Amino acid sequence: LPNHLDDNFLIQGLEKVLLALAILSIFYWITQLFSKVVIYALKEFTAETEAAWDDVLVPFFESTIPIVLYGAGIFLALQAVGIDLSGLWVTLGGAAFVLGFAAKDILSNFFSGLVLLIDTPFRFGDVILHNDERASVRQIGLRTTKLYLIDTHCEVFVPNSSMQGKDIVNLSRPTPHY
């Protein structure tokens, strides 16, 4: 009788390991499909458009989505093996809260940058008024916008959250001849 129980335990353990390997394999191929096909299609699409947001978001998606997919695959594989992850989920939730609270300014700049890239009140090369000074837009990033101050001949890096909170006068629109 004890030999029969050991065989049953061994078979169940083997089933769990094979299920975990299958899950990891599926998530690996999903990540590869996303990295190779979807990102390639997005890059081809963005080459045809002139929107500034796609030049920033595509590399962001290219670097973060595989990490998220691999992480989800590892968590599901560990659960398939039979490891209880409820304590880990609580820990991750608490850590996410603490990191979110500590990085609220960075997250504010990030989401403001997304709004600036999608809403496009200005784009590269536009001349705007920044703190009553004429400035040329050099780069719009996810966290900061790089401006060239025309009168003082210097570059300024402005956090996107402060750009979103100000009235922006774009001197280049509706035409560059102002």
Protein backbone atom coordinates (compact mmCIF):
# COMPACT_ATOMS: atom_id res chain seq x y z
CA LEU A 1 0.00 0.00 0.00
CA PRO A 2 2.74 2.62 0.77
CA ASN A 3 4.36 1.97 -2.63
CA HIS A 4 1.03 2.77 -4.36
CA LEU A 5 0.75 6.11 -2.51
CA ASP A 6 4.29 7.09 -3.45
CA ASP A 7 3.57 6.42 -7.12
CA ASN A 8 0.39 8.52 -6.96
CA PHE A 9 2.28 11.37 -5.28
CA LEU A 10 5.01 11.16 -7.90
CA ILE A 11 2.50 11.25 -10.77
CA GLN A 12 0.69 14.27 -9.29
CA GLY A 13 3.99 16.07 -8.81
CA LEU A 14 5.01 15.31 -12.38
CA GLU A 15 1.64 16.60 -13.64
CA LYS A 16 2.12 19.86 -11.74
CA VAL A 17 5.63 20.34 -13.10
CA LEU A 18 4.49 19.60 -16.67
CA LEU A 19 1.59 22.04 -16.28
CA ALA A 20 4.00 24.71 -15.01
CA LEU A 21 6.33 24.08 -17.95
CA ALA A 22 3.39 24.30 -20.36
CA ILE A 23 2.33 27.62 -18.83
CA LEU A 24 5.86 29.00 -19.07
CA SER A 25 6.09 27.81 -22.67
CA ILE A 26 2.78 29.46 -23.60
CA PHE A 27 3.79 32.77 -22.01
CA TYR A 28 7.18 32.59 -23.72
CA TRP A 29 5.54 32.23 -27.13
CA ILE A 30 2.97 34.94 -26.39
CA THR A 31 5.82 37.28 -25.46
CA GLN A 32 7.74 36.34 -28.59
CA LEU A 33 4.63 36.90 -30.71
CA PHE A 34 4.12 40.30 -29.12
CA SER A 35 7.78 41.30 -29.41
CA LYS A 36 8.25 40.20 -32.99
CA VAL A 37 4.87 40.66 -34.69
CA VAL A 38 2.90 43.29 -32.78
CA ILE A 39 5.85 45.62 -32.15
CA TYR A 40 6.96 45.25 -35.80
CA ALA A 41 3.45 46.17 -36.96
CA LEU A 42 3.36 49.13 -34.57
CA LYS A 43 6.73 50.36 -35.85
CA GLU A 44 5.53 50.08 -39.43
CA PHE A 45 2.36 52.00 -38.53
CA THR A 46 4.27 54.72 -36.69
CA ALA A 47 6.60 55.18 -39.65
CA GLU A 48 3.56 56.23 -41.66
CA THR A 49 2.18 58.66 -39.07
CA GLU A 50 3.63 61.91 -37.81
CA ALA A 51 2.30 61.71 -34.25
CA ALA A 52 4.92 62.30 -31.58
CA TRP A 53 3.31 60.00 -29.02
CA ASP A 54 3.96 56.85 -31.02
CA ASP A 55 7.72 57.46 -31.10
CA VAL A 56 7.72 57.41 -27.30
CA LEU A 57 5.05 54.83 -26.53
CA VAL A 58 6.22 52.07 -28.87
CA PRO A 59 9.66 51.75 -27.18
CA PHE A 60 7.91 51.97 -23.80
CA PHE A 61 5.57 49.09 -24.72
CA GLU A 62 8.47 47.18 -26.27
CA SER A 63 10.36 47.21 -22.99
CA THR A 64 7.56 46.84 -20.41
CA ILE A 65 5.02 44.41 -21.92
CA PRO A 66 7.48 41.45 -22.07
CA ILE A 67 8.38 41.99 -18.41
CA VAL A 68 4.70 41.97 -17.45
CA LEU A 69 4.00 38.85 -19.55
CA TYR A 70 7.00 36.96 -18.16
CA GLY A 71 6.02 37.95 -14.62
CA ALA A 72 2.44 36.73 -15.14
CA GLY A 73 3.73 33.46 -16.59
CA ILE A 74 6.05 32.87 -13.64
CA PHE A 75 3.27 33.60 -11.13
CA LEU A 76 0.86 31.22 -12.87
CA ALA A 77 3.54 28.52 -13.15
CA LEU A 78 4.31 28.79 -9.43
CA GLN A 79 0.61 28.50 -8.63
CA ALA A 80 0.34 25.46 -10.91
CA VAL A 81 3.13 23.78 -8.96
CA GLY A 82 1.13 24.36 -5.80
CA ILE A 83 3.01 27.23 -4.17
CA ASP A 84 0.70 29.55 -2.22
CA LEU A 85 1.30 33.10 -3.45
CA SER A 86 -1.34 34.92 -1.38
CA GLY A 87 1.30 36.36 0.96
CA LEU A 88 3.34 37.46 -2.04
CA TRP A 89 0.31 39.20 -3.57
CA VAL A 90 -0.30 41.10 -0.33
CA THR A 91 3.37 42.08 -0.19
CA LEU A 92 3.35 43.21 -3.83
CA GLY A 93 0.19 45.23 -3.23
CA GLY A 94 1.73 46.98 -0.24
CA ALA A 95 4.96 47.62 -2.12
CA ALA A 96 3.02 49.02 -5.09
CA PHE A 97 1.17 51.38 -2.74
CA VAL A 98 4.38 52.58 -1.10
CA LEU A 99 6.19 52.98 -4.44
CA GLY A 100 3.20 54.77 -5.96
CA PHE A 101 3.04 57.18 -3.05
CA ALA A 102 6.81 57.76 -3.12
CA ALA A 103 6.89 58.22 -6.89
CA LYS A 104 3.75 60.34 -7.21
CA ASP A 105 5.66 63.22 -8.82
CA ILE A 106 7.31 60.91 -11.34
CA LEU A 107 3.96 59.28 -12.12
CA SER A 108 2.35 62.71 -12.42
CA ASN A 109 5.03 63.75 -14.93
CA PHE A 110 4.63 60.45 -16.80
CA PHE A 111 0.86 60.73 -17.19
CA SER A 112 1.13 64.42 -18.03
CA GLY A 113 3.65 63.46 -20.69
CA LEU A 114 1.19 60.96 -22.13
CA VAL A 115 -1.48 63.66 -22.23
CA LEU A 116 0.92 66.10 -23.91
CA LEU A 117 1.92 63.49 -26.48
CA ILE A 118 -1.66 62.52 -27.27
CA ASP A 119 -3.26 65.98 -27.03
CA THR A 120 -0.32 67.69 -28.84
CA PRO A 121 -0.71 71.35 -27.87
CA PHE A 122 2.76 71.71 -29.40
CA ARG A 123 5.22 69.54 -31.29
CA PHE A 124 8.91 69.48 -32.12
CA GLY A 125 10.06 72.80 -33.56
CA ASP A 126 7.10 74.88 -32.41
CA VAL A 127 7.78 78.22 -30.77
CA ILE A 128 5.85 78.66 -27.52
CA LEU A 129 5.75 81.14 -24.67
CA HIS A 130 7.19 79.65 -21.48
CA ASN A 131 7.17 81.95 -18.42
CA ASP A 132 6.85 84.94 -20.78
CA GLU A 133 9.92 83.86 -22.76
CA ARG A 134 9.99 82.57 -26.31
CA ALA A 135 11.08 78.95 -26.44
CA SER A 136 11.46 76.37 -29.17
CA VAL A 137 10.32 72.83 -28.41
CA ARG A 138 13.28 70.46 -28.82
CA GLN A 139 11.92 67.21 -27.39
CA ILE A 140 8.76 65.93 -25.75
CA GLY A 141 9.47 62.98 -23.47
CA LEU A 142 7.38 60.95 -21.07
CA ARG A 143 8.66 62.84 -18.01
CA THR A 144 10.14 66.11 -19.28
CA THR A 145 9.94 68.48 -22.21
CA LYS A 146 13.18 70.02 -23.48
CA LEU A 147 12.86 73.66 -24.51
CA TYR A 148 15.41 76.00 -26.08
CA LEU A 149 14.98 79.52 -24.72
CA ILE A 150 15.53 81.80 -27.70
CA ASP A 151 16.33 85.04 -25.88
CA THR A 152 18.80 83.57 -23.35
CA HIS A 153 20.23 80.83 -25.63
CA CYS A 154 19.89 77.99 -23.14
CA GLU A 155 18.06 74.69 -22.85
CA VAL A 156 15.52 74.08 -20.12
CA PHE A 157 14.08 70.73 -19.05
CA VAL A 158 10.55 71.30 -17.80
CA PRO A 159 8.61 68.57 -15.94
CA ASN A 160 5.52 67.65 -17.90
CA SER A 161 3.23 68.08 -14.91
CA SER A 162 4.14 71.78 -14.76
CA MET A 163 3.67 72.10 -18.54
CA GLN A 164 0.19 70.65 -18.25
CA GLY A 165 -0.76 73.04 -15.46
CA LYS A 166 0.12 76.21 -17.42
CA ASP A 167 -1.51 78.09 -20.23
CA ILE A 168 0.50 77.27 -23.32
CA VAL A 169 0.68 79.91 -26.04
CA ASN A 170 1.85 78.27 -29.25
CA LEU A 171 3.21 80.99 -31.51
CA SER A 172 3.68 78.54 -34.40
CA ARG A 173 0.02 77.70 -34.79
CA PRO A 174 -2.11 78.01 -36.83
CA THR A 175 0.84 78.96 -39.10
CA PRO A 176 4.57 79.28 -38.39
CA HIS A 177 4.51 82.87 -39.73
CA TYR A 178 3.63 84.93 -36.68
